[in-house]
Amino acid sequence: MGKLDGKVAVITAGTSGMALATAKLFVAEGAYVFVTGRDQTRLDEAVTQIGHNVIGVQGDSAKLDDLDRLYERVMREKGHIDVLFASAGQSGRSPIGSVTEEEFDRIFDLNVRGTLFTVQKALPLFRDGGSIILNGSIAAQKGMPGLSVYGGSKAALRAFARSWLMDLKERRIRVNVLSPGPIDTPAMQKAPEAAREQFKSIIPWGEFGTSEEIATAALFLACDDSKFVNGTELCVDGGTAQI
């Protein structure tokens, strides 16, 4: 028996890395999963990799019409949601003095505005007792050069979780933040070697985490194992945020 047997989950930006690994694990644990992605080809590839009990819905979480289309499909196919992993996000690296209006808008439109409406538009479909997981980052806790806009956007999600758990307490819908540290995702693998070594140097164990380790943490927050965990931030970072 799986930890998510009979559950319906929505995972945004589920075409690669941590979110794709999470979708695969959720399905393995008995869930039916809807994944989104902006690129139809990559979305189709992700659905093929997941294999079964999955529907891919093309869309951009920063666009409200795309979110409406996503939830219309969920309503039509399954009629409810038990778990939402709001994973869609963008980064950027500019020190203060070099931040552009375009960069700020791009990051905050998806990471903050997009996450808020991803959650809000899901609520009519949510069954009481469900779980909402927000994709945070330890960049909201640590001072990292060039990451003030990205870190600020993720700090907003931490504030969202604290307020939303109170908004949703009568429905017993939990809201938690999952904050990865340096993870060896496809994007990280494409980074220059100097940048990879810089990231490694701040990890106490000196090695990257894996997308599968993020997935197991997401599973914990999604299932009844964490039914008394609410409004918290779970850092999956090898201790990086603690030093």
Protein backbone atom coordinates (compact mmCIF):
# COMPACT_ATOMS: atom_id res chain seq x y z
CA MET A 1 0.00 0.00 0.00
CA GLY A 2 1.39 3.38 -1.04
CA LYS A 3 1.52 6.48 1.13
CA LEU A 4 -0.60 8.38 -1.42
CA ASP A 5 -3.03 5.68 -2.52
CA GLY A 6 -6.14 7.26 -4.03
CA LYS A 7 -4.77 10.81 -3.81
CA VAL A 8 -4.77 13.37 -6.61
CA ALA A 9 -1.69 15.60 -6.80
CA VAL A 10 -0.82 18.63 -8.91
CA ILE A 11 2.86 19.48 -9.48
CA THR A 12 3.71 22.62 -11.39
CA ALA A 13 6.86 22.80 -13.54
CA GLY A 14 7.15 19.03 -13.37
CA THR A 15 9.23 18.43 -16.49
CA SER A 16 12.70 18.00 -14.98
CA GLY A 17 14.82 17.84 -11.88
CA MET A 18 13.26 17.91 -8.43
CA ALA A 19 9.65 18.26 -9.54
CA LEU A 20 9.91 15.41 -12.05
CA ALA A 21 11.50 13.15 -9.44
CA THR A 22 8.66 14.08 -7.08
CA ALA A 23 6.02 13.25 -9.68
CA LYS A 24 7.60 9.84 -10.28
CA LEU A 25 7.67 9.08 -6.54
CA PHE A 26 4.11 10.28 -5.96
CA VAL A 27 2.87 7.95 -8.70
CA ALA A 28 4.92 5.09 -7.29
CA GLU A 29 3.23 5.74 -3.93
CA GLY A 30 -0.26 5.50 -5.44
CA ALA A 31 -1.15 9.04 -6.49
CA TYR A 32 -2.65 10.25 -9.76
CA VAL A 33 -0.55 13.24 -10.80
CA PHE A 34 -1.10 16.27 -13.02
CA VAL A 35 2.15 17.92 -14.09
CA THR A 36 2.61 21.20 -15.91
CA GLY A 37 5.33 22.66 -18.08
CA ARG A 38 5.72 25.52 -20.51
CA ASP A 39 7.35 23.48 -23.29
CA GLN A 40 5.06 20.84 -24.79
CA THR A 41 7.91 18.63 -26.01
CA ARG A 42 9.56 18.49 -22.58
CA LEU A 43 6.17 17.95 -20.98
CA ASP A 44 5.47 14.99 -23.26
CA GLU A 45 8.87 13.52 -22.40
CA ALA A 46 8.18 13.90 -18.69
CA VAL A 47 4.81 12.17 -19.00
CA THR A 48 6.51 9.31 -20.84
CA GLN A 49 9.11 8.99 -18.09
CA ILE A 50 6.47 8.97 -15.33
CA GLY A 51 4.69 6.28 -17.28
CA HIS A 52 1.17 5.97 -15.89
CA ASN A 53 -1.41 7.70 -13.68
CA VAL A 54 -0.29 11.05 -15.04
CA ILE A 55 -1.66 13.85 -17.21
CA GLY A 56 0.49 16.66 -18.58
CA VAL A 57 -1.08 20.10 -18.98
CA GLN A 58 0.92 22.68 -20.92
CA GLY A 59 1.04 26.05 -19.22
CA ASP A 60 2.94 28.83 -17.48
CA SER A 61 2.22 29.31 -13.77
CA ALA A 62 2.73 33.06 -14.15
CA LYS A 63 -0.28 33.22 -16.50
CA LEU A 64 -3.66 33.09 -14.80
CA ASP A 65 -5.45 31.82 -17.90
CA ASP A 66 -3.08 28.84 -17.98
CA LEU A 67 -3.82 28.11 -14.33
CA ASP A 68 -7.54 28.22 -15.04
CA ARG A 69 -7.05 25.74 -17.87
CA LEU A 70 -5.03 23.45 -15.60
CA TYR A 71 -7.70 23.31 -12.91
CA GLU A 72 -10.50 22.93 -15.43
CA ARG A 73 -8.68 19.78 -16.65
CA VAL A 74 -8.25 18.51 -13.09
CA MET A 75 -11.94 19.11 -12.42
CA ARG A 76 -12.95 17.32 -15.59
CA GLU A 77 -10.69 14.31 -15.06
CA LYS A 78 -10.67 13.79 -11.28
CA GLY A 79 -12.91 16.39 -9.62
CA HIS A 80 -10.66 17.20 -6.68
CA ILE A 81 -7.10 17.79 -5.40
CA ASP A 82 -5.43 16.31 -2.31
CA VAL A 83 -1.87 17.56 -2.76
CA LEU A 84 -0.40 20.60 -4.49
CA PHE A 85 3.34 21.05 -4.97
CA ALA A 86 3.74 24.61 -6.24
CA SER A 87 7.17 24.03 -7.71
CA ALA A 88 7.37 26.55 -10.55
CA GLY A 89 10.05 29.18 -10.06
CA GLN A 90 12.87 31.12 -11.65
CA SER A 91 16.23 32.32 -10.41
CA GLY A 92 18.54 35.13 -11.42
CA ARG A 93 21.89 36.47 -10.25
CA SER A 94 22.46 40.22 -10.10
CA PRO A 95 24.09 42.16 -7.27
CA ILE A 96 22.30 45.24 -5.99
CA GLY A 97 23.17 48.04 -8.36
CA SER A 98 22.73 45.77 -11.36
CA VAL A 99 19.17 44.48 -10.88
CA THR A 100 16.96 45.38 -13.82
CA GLU A 101 13.24 46.00 -13.80
CA GLU A 102 12.81 43.10 -16.22
CA GLU A 103 14.66 40.68 -13.96
CA PHE A 104 12.71 41.73 -10.88
CA ASP A 105 9.36 41.40 -12.66
CA ARG A 106 10.28 38.04 -14.20
CA ILE A 107 11.27 36.50 -10.87
CA PHE A 108 8.49 37.96 -8.73
CA ASP A 109 5.79 37.35 -11.35
CA LEU A 110 6.44 33.61 -11.29
CA ASN A 111 7.85 32.93 -7.82
CA VAL A 112 5.47 35.15 -5.83
CA ARG A 113 2.46 36.15 -7.90
CA GLY A 114 2.37 32.83 -9.74
CA THR A 115 2.61 30.79 -6.53
CA LEU A 116 -0.14 32.80 -4.86
CA PHE A 117 -2.59 32.27 -7.69
CA THR A 118 -1.53 28.64 -8.20
CA VAL A 119 -2.69 28.02 -4.64
CA GLN A 120 -5.72 30.30 -4.65
CA LYS A 121 -7.16 28.86 -7.84
CA ALA A 122 -6.67 25.31 -6.54
CA LEU A 123 -8.66 25.84 -3.34
CA PRO A 124 -12.17 25.20 -4.74
CA LEU A 125 -10.97 21.74 -5.77
CA PHE A 126 -9.09 20.93 -2.56
CA ARG A 127 -10.47 18.27 -0.29
CA ASP A 128 -10.34 19.08 3.42
CA GLY A 129 -7.24 17.68 5.07
CA GLY A 130 -5.06 18.19 2.01
CA SER A 131 -1.46 19.34 1.78
CA ILE A 132 0.04 22.37 0.02
CA ILE A 133 3.81 22.40 -0.49
CA LEU A 134 5.55 25.59 -1.60
CA ASN A 135 8.93 25.34 -3.31
CA GLY A 136 11.22 27.59 -1.31
CA SER A 137 14.99 27.95 -1.17
CA ILE A 138 17.68 28.38 1.45
CA ALA A 139 18.54 31.57 -0.46
CA ALA A 140 15.80 33.15 1.67
CA GLN A 141 17.85 32.35 4.81
CA LYS A 142 21.45 32.87 3.77
CA GLY A 143 23.09 35.97 2.39
CA MET A 144 24.29 34.96 -1.05
CA PRO A 145 25.91 37.42 -3.45
CA GLY A 146 23.71 38.36 -6.37
CA LEU A 147 20.65 36.49 -5.08
CA SER A 148 18.77 39.24 -3.26
CA VAL A 149 15.82 39.30 -5.68
CA TYR A 150 15.55 35.51 -5.85
CA GLY A 151 15.99 35.15 -2.09
CA GLY A 152 13.42 37.88 -1.48
CA SER A 153 10.89 36.09 -3.65
CA LYS A 154 11.39 32.87 -1.69
CA ALA A 155 11.14 34.71 1.63
CA ALA A 156 7.68 35.82 0.52
CA LEU A 157 6.65 32.16 0.25
CA ARG A 158 7.73 31.57 3.85
CA ALA A 159 5.44 34.42 4.91
CA PHE A 160 2.62 33.06 2.75
CA ALA A 161 2.74 29.69 4.53
CA ARG A 162 2.37 31.23 7.97
CA SER A 163 -0.70 33.23 6.99
CA TRP A 164 -2.33 30.67 4.73
CA LEU A 165 -2.35 27.96 7.39
CA MET A 166 -4.51 30.30 9.47
CA ASP A 167 -6.74 31.09 6.49
CA LEU A 168 -7.22 27.37 5.88
CA LYS A 169 -7.32 26.02 9.44
CA GLU A 170 -11.05 25.29 9.37
CA ARG A 171 -10.46 23.02 6.37
CA ARG A 172 -7.39 21.43 7.98
CA ILE A 173 -5.37 22.07 4.84
CA ARG A 174 -1.69 22.16 5.72
CA VAL A 175 0.78 24.58 4.12
CA ASN A 176 4.52 23.96 4.34
CA VAL A 177 7.64 25.20 2.57
CA LEU A 178 10.21 22.79 1.13
CA SER A 179 13.53 24.60 0.76
CA PRO A 180 16.27 22.86 -1.21
CA GLY A 181 19.92 23.68 -0.90
CA PRO A 182 22.43 22.99 -3.68
CA ILE A 183 20.91 20.09 -5.64
CA ASP A 184 22.48 18.35 -8.62
CA THR A 185 19.65 19.14 -11.04
CA PRO A 186 20.09 19.33 -14.82
CA ALA A 187 20.42 23.11 -14.49
CA MET A 188 23.18 22.74 -11.91
CA GLN A 189 24.94 20.19 -14.11
CA LYS A 190 25.09 22.79 -16.89
CA ALA A 191 26.67 25.42 -14.63
CA PRO A 192 30.35 26.34 -15.11
CA GLU A 193 32.68 24.18 -13.08
CA ALA A 194 33.82 27.19 -11.03
CA ALA A 195 30.23 27.88 -10.02
CA ARG A 196 29.66 24.22 -9.11
CA GLU A 197 32.75 24.19 -6.93
CA GLN A 198 31.64 27.40 -5.24
CA PHE A 199 28.30 25.84 -4.35
CA LYS A 200 29.99 22.66 -3.13
CA SER A 201 32.22 24.68 -0.85
CA ILE A 202 29.28 25.89 1.25
CA ILE A 203 27.84 22.39 1.81
CA PRO A 204 29.14 20.81 5.05
CA TRP A 205 29.43 17.37 3.39
CA GLY A 206 30.99 18.84 0.27
CA GLU A 207 28.59 17.14 -2.14
CA PHE A 208 25.33 18.05 -3.84
CA GLY A 209 21.97 16.68 -2.88
CA THR A 210 19.88 14.80 -5.42
CA SER A 211 16.47 15.41 -6.91
CA GLU A 212 15.34 12.10 -5.40
CA GLU A 213 16.19 13.39 -1.92
CA ILE A 214 13.93 16.38 -2.53
CA ALA A 215 11.22 14.01 -3.72
CA THR A 216 11.30 11.95 -0.52
CA ALA A 217 10.98 15.13 1.54
CA ALA A 218 8.03 16.24 -0.59
CA LEU A 219 6.42 12.84 -0.07
CA PHE A 220 6.74 13.26 3.70
CA LEU A 221 4.99 16.65 3.53
CA ALA A 222 2.32 15.30 1.18
CA CYS A 223 1.27 12.22 3.14
CA ASP A 224 -0.23 11.55 6.56
CA ASP A 225 3.22 10.98 8.08
CA SER A 226 3.34 14.78 8.45
CA LYS A 227 -0.29 15.43 9.38
CA PHE A 228 0.81 17.44 12.47
CA VAL A 229 3.40 19.44 10.51
CA ASN A 230 1.99 22.79 9.45
CA GLY A 231 3.44 26.18 8.52
CA THR A 232 7.02 25.05 8.78
CA GLU A 233 10.02 25.17 6.47
CA LEU A 234 11.85 21.94 5.77
CA CYS A 235 15.38 22.56 4.53
CA VAL A 236 16.84 19.74 2.45
CA ASP A 237 20.34 21.09 2.13
CA GLY A 238 22.84 18.92 4.00
CA GLY A 239 22.96 21.55 6.75
CA THR A 240 24.02 24.40 4.48
CA ALA A 241 21.50 26.89 5.90
CA GLN A 242 22.57 26.14 9.47
CA ILE A 243 26.17 27.36 9.23
